[in-house]
Protein backbone atom coordinates (compact mmCIF):
# COMPACT_ATOMS: atom_id res chain seq x y z
CA MET A 1 -57.36 60.52 -11.45
CA THR A 2 -54.72 57.85 -10.87
CA LYS A 3 -53.06 55.44 -13.25
CA ILE A 4 -51.45 52.28 -11.83
CA GLU A 5 -48.84 50.26 -13.70
CA THR A 6 -46.97 47.16 -12.46
CA TYR A 7 -43.79 46.00 -14.21
CA LYS A 8 -40.79 43.75 -13.60
CA SER A 9 -37.20 44.98 -13.50
CA ASN A 10 -33.76 43.84 -12.38
CA ASP A 11 -33.15 47.39 -11.14
CA LYS A 12 -35.24 48.30 -8.12
CA ASN A 13 -34.69 51.99 -8.89
CA GLU A 14 -35.92 51.82 -12.48
CA LYS A 15 -38.51 54.51 -13.20
CA ARG A 16 -40.78 54.69 -16.24
CA GLU A 17 -41.95 58.00 -17.72
CA SER A 18 -45.61 58.84 -17.19
CA GLU A 19 -47.92 60.56 -19.64
CA LYS A 20 -47.89 64.31 -19.10
CA GLN A 21 -51.50 64.78 -20.31
CA PHE A 22 -54.40 62.67 -21.60
CA SER A 23 -58.14 62.93 -22.24
CA LYS A 24 -60.90 60.65 -21.06
CA ASP A 25 -64.63 61.05 -21.69
CA GLY A 26 -63.98 64.51 -23.12
CA ILE A 27 -62.14 65.65 -20.01
CA LYS A 28 -58.50 66.61 -20.08
CA TYR A 29 -56.11 65.56 -17.31
CA LYS A 30 -52.58 66.74 -16.59
CA PHE A 31 -49.74 65.02 -14.67
CA LEU A 32 -49.19 65.97 -11.04
CA ASP A 33 -46.94 63.41 -9.33
CA GLU A 34 -46.01 59.72 -9.18
CA THR A 35 -44.96 57.17 -6.54
CA TYR A 36 -43.11 53.84 -6.77
CA GLU A 37 -43.48 50.78 -4.54
CA ILE A 38 -41.72 47.36 -4.63
CA VAL A 39 -44.55 44.91 -4.11
CA ASN A 40 -42.51 41.72 -4.57
CA GLN A 41 -38.96 40.58 -5.23
CA GLU A 42 -37.50 37.22 -6.25
CA ASP A 43 -33.85 36.13 -6.33
CA ASN A 44 -32.55 34.53 -9.52
CA PHE A 45 -30.15 31.55 -9.40
CA ASP A 46 -28.07 29.60 -11.90
CA ASN A 47 -26.27 26.24 -11.54
CA GLU A 48 -22.47 26.32 -11.48
CA ILE A 49 -20.09 23.33 -11.51
CA LYS A 50 -17.34 23.50 -8.90
CA THR A 51 -14.24 21.29 -9.04
CA LEU A 52 -12.42 20.00 -5.98
CA THR A 53 -8.99 18.34 -6.25
CA ILE A 54 -7.54 16.25 -3.41
CA ASN A 55 -4.06 14.69 -3.31
CA LYS A 56 -3.85 11.59 -1.14
CA GLU A 57 -0.59 9.79 -0.28
CA THR A 58 -0.70 6.19 0.90
CA ARG A 59 1.47 3.10 1.14
CA SER A 60 -1.51 0.84 0.60
CA LYS A 61 -1.97 -0.62 -2.86
CA THR A 62 -5.61 -1.38 -2.09
CA TYR A 63 -6.65 2.21 -1.30
CA SER A 64 -10.19 3.03 -2.40
CA PRO A 65 -11.22 6.73 -2.43
CA LYS A 66 -14.62 7.93 -1.28
CA LYS A 67 -17.20 8.23 -4.05
CA ILE A 68 -19.05 11.16 -2.44
CA ILE A 69 -17.75 13.81 -0.04
CA LYS A 70 -19.26 16.94 1.48
CA LYS A 71 -17.36 20.16 2.04
CA ASN A 72 -18.65 23.62 2.99
CA GLY A 73 -22.19 22.43 2.44
CA ILE A 74 -21.52 21.24 -1.12
CA THR A 75 -21.86 17.58 -2.16
CA TYR A 76 -19.08 16.45 -4.50
CA LYS A 77 -19.01 13.26 -6.62
CA LEU A 78 -15.81 11.52 -7.68
CA LYS A 79 -15.18 12.08 -11.40
CA ASN A 80 -11.56 11.06 -12.03
CA VAL A 81 -8.68 9.23 -10.30
CA GLU A 82 -5.02 9.48 -11.27
CA ASN A 83 -2.08 7.96 -9.41
CA SER A 84 1.70 8.05 -9.48
CA VAL A 85 4.24 5.94 -7.62
CA ARG A 86 7.55 7.04 -6.16
CA THR A 87 10.06 4.94 -4.27
CA VAL A 88 11.51 6.39 -1.07
CA LYS A 89 14.22 5.20 1.28
CA LYS A 90 12.87 3.67 4.43
CA LYS A 91 16.15 2.69 6.11
CA ASN A 92 19.80 2.99 5.22
CA GLY A 93 21.61 -0.15 4.25
CA ARG A 94 23.26 -2.02 7.12
CA LYS A 95 26.91 -2.84 7.45
CA VAL A 96 27.66 -6.49 6.78
CA THR A 97 30.99 -8.18 7.51
CA GLY A 98 32.23 -11.67 6.79
CA TYR A 99 35.39 -13.65 6.27
CA LEU A 100 36.84 -16.66 4.51
CA SER A 101 39.37 -18.93 6.20
CA PHE A 102 42.28 -20.59 4.42
CA ASP A 103 44.94 -23.05 5.45
CA SER A 104 47.61 -21.47 3.26
CA LYS A 105 48.69 -18.00 2.24
CA SER A 106 48.42 -18.78 -1.49
CA GLU A 107 44.80 -19.79 -1.06
CA ALA A 108 44.09 -16.60 0.89
CA LEU A 109 45.71 -14.45 -1.81
CA SER A 110 43.48 -16.10 -4.41
CA ALA A 111 40.31 -15.27 -2.47
CA PRO A 112 37.61 -13.58 -4.61
CA ALA A 113 37.50 -9.77 -4.67
CA THR A 114 33.82 -9.78 -3.70
CA ARG A 115 31.60 -12.18 -1.84
CA VAL A 116 27.98 -12.14 -0.70
CA PHE A 117 27.53 -12.44 3.07
CA SER A 118 24.49 -12.41 5.34
CA ALA A 119 24.52 -11.28 8.94
CA ASN A 120 21.69 -10.39 11.33
CA GLY A 121 19.08 -10.56 8.63
CA ALA A 122 20.98 -8.32 6.19
CA THR A 123 22.63 -9.48 2.97
CA ALA A 124 25.27 -7.55 1.05
CA LYS A 125 27.82 -7.99 -1.68
CA CYS A 126 31.00 -7.33 0.28
CA LYS A 127 34.44 -6.36 -0.95
CA LYS A 128 37.68 -7.90 0.23
CA LYS A 129 39.11 -5.70 2.97
CA ASN A 130 42.30 -7.35 4.18
CA MET A 131 44.04 -10.63 4.95
CA VAL A 132 45.08 -11.56 8.48
CA LYS A 133 47.70 -14.11 9.46
CA GLU A 134 46.41 -16.10 12.43
CA LYS A 135 48.12 -18.21 14.99
CA ALA A 136 48.20 -21.92 14.30
CA ALA A 137 46.17 -24.30 16.44
CA SER A 138 44.14 -21.54 18.05
CA TRP A 139 40.52 -22.24 18.87
CA GLN A 140 37.60 -19.89 18.62
CA SER A 141 34.80 -20.45 21.10
CA SER A 142 31.06 -20.26 20.45
CA TRP A 143 28.09 -22.14 21.80
CA ILE A 144 24.83 -23.80 20.98
CA ASP A 145 21.82 -24.40 23.21
CA PHE A 146 19.81 -27.61 23.53
CA THR A 147 16.30 -27.66 24.93
CA PHE A 148 15.14 -30.66 26.99
CA THR A 149 11.67 -31.61 28.19
CA SER A 150 10.74 -34.17 30.83
CA SER A 151 8.15 -35.01 33.40
CA ASP A 152 10.98 -35.17 36.00
CA LYS A 153 12.99 -32.02 36.54
CA ASP A 154 16.17 -33.97 37.41
CA TYR A 155 16.22 -36.52 34.57
CA TYR A 156 16.22 -35.90 30.80
CA GLU A 157 16.97 -37.92 27.71
CA TRP A 158 19.21 -37.12 24.73
CA ASN A 159 19.99 -39.52 21.86
CA GLY A 160 18.97 -42.42 24.09
CA HIS A 161 21.14 -41.26 27.00
CA GLU A 162 19.80 -40.29 30.39
CA ILE A 163 21.00 -36.84 31.39
CA ASP A 164 21.32 -35.95 35.04
CA GLY A 165 19.57 -32.70 35.85
CA LYS A 166 21.91 -32.13 38.79
CA SER A 167 25.17 -32.67 36.89
CA LYS A 168 27.55 -29.73 36.35
CA ASN A 169 28.73 -31.14 33.00
CA PRO A 170 25.70 -33.11 31.77
CA LEU A 171 26.96 -34.06 28.25
CA ARG A 172 30.53 -34.90 29.13
CA GLY A 173 31.79 -37.83 27.06
CA TYR A 174 29.36 -37.30 24.20
CA ASP A 175 31.59 -34.96 22.15
CA ASP A 176 31.52 -36.97 18.93
CA GLU A 177 27.77 -37.34 19.05
CA ILE A 178 27.32 -33.61 19.67
CA LEU A 179 29.60 -32.69 16.74
CA LYS A 180 27.74 -35.11 14.51
CA SER A 181 24.38 -33.67 15.59
CA ILE A 182 25.46 -30.18 14.54
CA ASN A 183 27.00 -31.52 11.29
CA VAL A 184 30.59 -30.27 11.68
CA ASP A 185 33.93 -31.93 11.12
CA LYS A 186 35.60 -32.93 14.39
CA SER A 187 39.01 -32.19 12.89
CA ASN A 188 38.20 -28.47 13.03
CA TYR A 189 35.77 -28.43 15.99
CA LYS A 190 35.79 -29.72 19.54
CA ILE A 191 33.43 -29.61 22.47
CA GLY A 192 34.27 -27.70 25.64
CA ASP A 193 32.11 -27.42 28.76
CA THR A 194 28.43 -28.33 28.92
CA TYR A 195 26.19 -26.88 31.61
CA TRP A 196 22.60 -26.21 32.52
CA LYS A 197 21.45 -22.72 31.69
CA GLY A 198 19.05 -21.79 34.44
CA SER A 199 16.48 -23.85 36.28
CA ALA A 200 13.72 -26.03 34.84
CA HIS A 201 10.36 -24.42 34.10
CA LYS A 202 7.18 -26.38 34.58
CA LYS A 203 4.11 -25.93 32.40
CA ASN A 204 1.15 -28.29 32.15
CA GLY A 205 3.08 -30.90 34.11
CA ILE A 206 6.14 -30.85 31.78
CA TYR A 207 9.55 -29.47 32.73
CA THR A 208 11.56 -27.53 30.18
CA ARG A 209 15.25 -26.81 30.60
CA LYS A 210 18.09 -25.44 28.43
CA LEU A 211 21.57 -26.85 28.25
CA ARG A 212 24.44 -24.87 26.75
CA VAL A 213 27.28 -26.60 24.89
CA GLU A 214 30.57 -24.78 24.25
CA VAL A 215 31.80 -25.40 20.71
CA LYS A 216 35.39 -24.53 19.81
CA LYS A 217 36.44 -23.99 16.21
CA LYS A 218 39.97 -24.41 14.98
CA VAL A 219 41.20 -21.12 13.59
CA PRO A 220 42.88 -21.46 10.20
CA HIS A 221 46.24 -19.91 9.43
CA TYR A 222 44.88 -17.14 7.18
CA ARG A 223 41.66 -15.20 7.24
CA VAL A 224 40.39 -12.83 4.53
CA ASN A 225 37.97 -10.20 5.82
CA TYR A 226 35.12 -8.72 3.78
CA GLU A 227 32.95 -5.67 4.37
CA GLY A 228 29.96 -4.10 2.62
CA TYR A 229 26.51 -2.58 3.01
CA SER A 230 23.16 -4.04 2.22
CA ASP A 231 20.79 -2.19 -0.09
CA ASP A 232 18.69 0.57 1.42
CA GLU A 233 15.27 -0.55 2.53
CA THR A 234 12.71 1.19 0.34
CA GLU A 235 8.97 1.46 0.05
CA ASP A 236 6.56 2.70 -2.58
CA ILE A 237 4.49 5.81 -1.91
CA ILE A 238 1.38 6.07 -4.10
CA THR A 239 -0.03 9.56 -4.68
CA TYR A 240 -3.64 9.69 -5.80
CA LYS A 241 -5.03 12.78 -7.51
CA LEU A 242 -8.77 12.74 -6.90
CA THR A 243 -11.03 15.05 -8.88
CA TYR A 244 -14.52 15.73 -7.57
CA GLU A 245 -17.34 17.81 -9.07
CA GLY A 246 -20.25 19.43 -7.28
CA THR A 247 -23.19 21.57 -8.40
CA VAL A 248 -23.90 24.78 -6.52
CA GLN A 249 -26.52 27.46 -7.12
CA ILE A 250 -25.10 30.94 -7.68
CA LYS A 251 -27.26 34.04 -7.20
CA THR A 252 -27.33 35.93 -10.51
CA GLY A 253 -29.55 38.84 -9.47
CA THR A 254 -33.00 39.85 -8.25
CA THR A 255 -36.23 40.53 -10.14
CA TYR A 256 -38.45 43.25 -8.64
CA ASP A 257 -42.19 43.78 -9.15
CA ILE A 258 -42.57 47.59 -9.12
CA LYS A 259 -45.91 49.33 -8.75
CA LYS A 260 -46.04 52.85 -10.18
CA THR A 261 -48.94 55.13 -9.30
CA ALA A 262 -49.29 58.32 -11.38
CA TYR A 263 -51.57 61.14 -10.13
CA TYR A 264 -53.44 63.51 -12.50
CA GLU A 265 -55.83 66.45 -12.10
CA LYS A 266 -58.60 67.68 -14.37
CA VAL A 267 -57.73 70.62 -16.60
CA PRO A 268 -60.38 73.42 -15.89
CA GLU A 269 -62.33 74.96 -18.80
CA SER A 270 -61.00 78.44 -19.79
CA LYS A 271 -63.35 81.51 -19.10
CA LYS A 272 -63.89 84.19 -21.82
CA THR A 273 -62.93 87.79 -21.03
CA VAL A 274 -65.35 90.82 -21.46
CA ARG A 275 -63.50 91.90 -24.55
CA GLU A 276 -63.86 88.40 -26.03
CA VAL A 277 -67.60 88.48 -25.17
CA LEU A 278 -68.09 91.95 -26.80
CA ILE A 279 -66.21 90.83 -29.85
CA SER A 280 -68.40 87.75 -30.05
CA ILE A 281 -71.56 89.90 -29.72
CA GLY A 282 -70.32 92.33 -32.35
CA VAL A 283 -69.60 89.49 -34.72
CA MET A 284 -73.06 88.11 -34.09
CA ILE A 285 -74.71 91.55 -34.78
CA LEU A 286 -72.75 91.85 -37.98
CA GLU A 287 -73.85 88.40 -39.04
CA ILE A 288 -77.52 89.23 -38.25
CA SER A 289 -77.28 92.61 -40.05
CA PHE A 290 -75.72 90.97 -43.07
CA VAL A 291 -78.51 88.42 -43.19
CA GLY A 292 -81.16 91.22 -42.81
CA ILE A 293 -79.67 93.28 -45.66
CA LEU A 294 -79.65 90.24 -47.89
CA PHE A 295 -83.30 89.61 -47.02
CA ILE A 296 -84.32 93.20 -47.84
CA VAL A 297 -82.42 93.14 -51.12
CA PHE A 298 -84.00 89.90 -52.21
CA PHE A 299 -87.44 91.12 -51.05
CA LYS A 300 -87.25 94.37 -53.16
CA LYS A 301 -86.12 92.48 -56.21
CA GLY A 302 -89.06 90.18 -55.83
CA ASN A 303 -91.56 93.03 -55.73
CA GLU A 304 -90.03 94.72 -58.76
CA ILE A 305 -90.38 91.53 -60.75
CA LYS A 306 -94.04 91.18 -59.74
CA GLN A 307 -94.83 94.79 -60.80
CA LYS A 308 -93.22 94.30 -64.17
CA ASN A 309 -95.27 91.21 -64.74
CA ILE A 310 -98.52 93.08 -63.90
CA ILE A 311 -97.73 95.92 -66.38
CA LYS A 312 -97.03 93.40 -69.12
CA LYS A 313 -100.37 91.73 -68.59
CA LYS A 314 -102.22 95.04 -68.86
């Protein structure tokens, strides 16, 4: 006889106790052995929320983070954005120098302690460094360039004057007009040499040529020098803290379908011994004898009663 039972368990080694003995249709059976077999198994999963934090630095104020990202097979969705701004130095400030010129020492001594100057694209609040006494009637040279265009490489026009392209001093004699064109006082400036700077260049039928004019500035008696540094060049760095969330399935265990088969054998009927048989026979003889004696006793009493009745009648 076999008994089969199928049950579910999270432990594949779980065993259930079998009946040691049972009866069926009047026959007794006793336990012999049992076997176990895993007939099916199924993994169990549960959803778990994972958080991913990303820090992103950028100089762009129009940065837009991704709404969805994938990492290690997990899809994350953007849940929160935080940002902070810090200012960092991009370049050191540049040295800026400047000066003020004065015609007298008293004016130079009264020069302001600080003065804002710009040089080469940098501006700084400069401090007075020193005062220098300069030679009288000295001239400081600089220059300016004029650009001419013409359809003839040897003839150009300036302020209504024809300029010879082959001349070695093309604007000689036009000093006052040149000073006026650059808006300076001729009492402190004068014109030196004028000369062509390079050859004419032709493009689309038009010649272009540069002419350099030497400009001399009268150096004042006193000069106050200033020196300072422009502000450091800075830029803003924006740090974004991006928080993403993703759902992932986590294995929580396994459920097993276990089949248990229990084996039983029939309990044999017990056989009586000779002694038990003799005792049974003896008991039976005694029972029969007892019944016989009772019969005889009752029979005699019946006859005696009949005889007494006959005597009475007579």
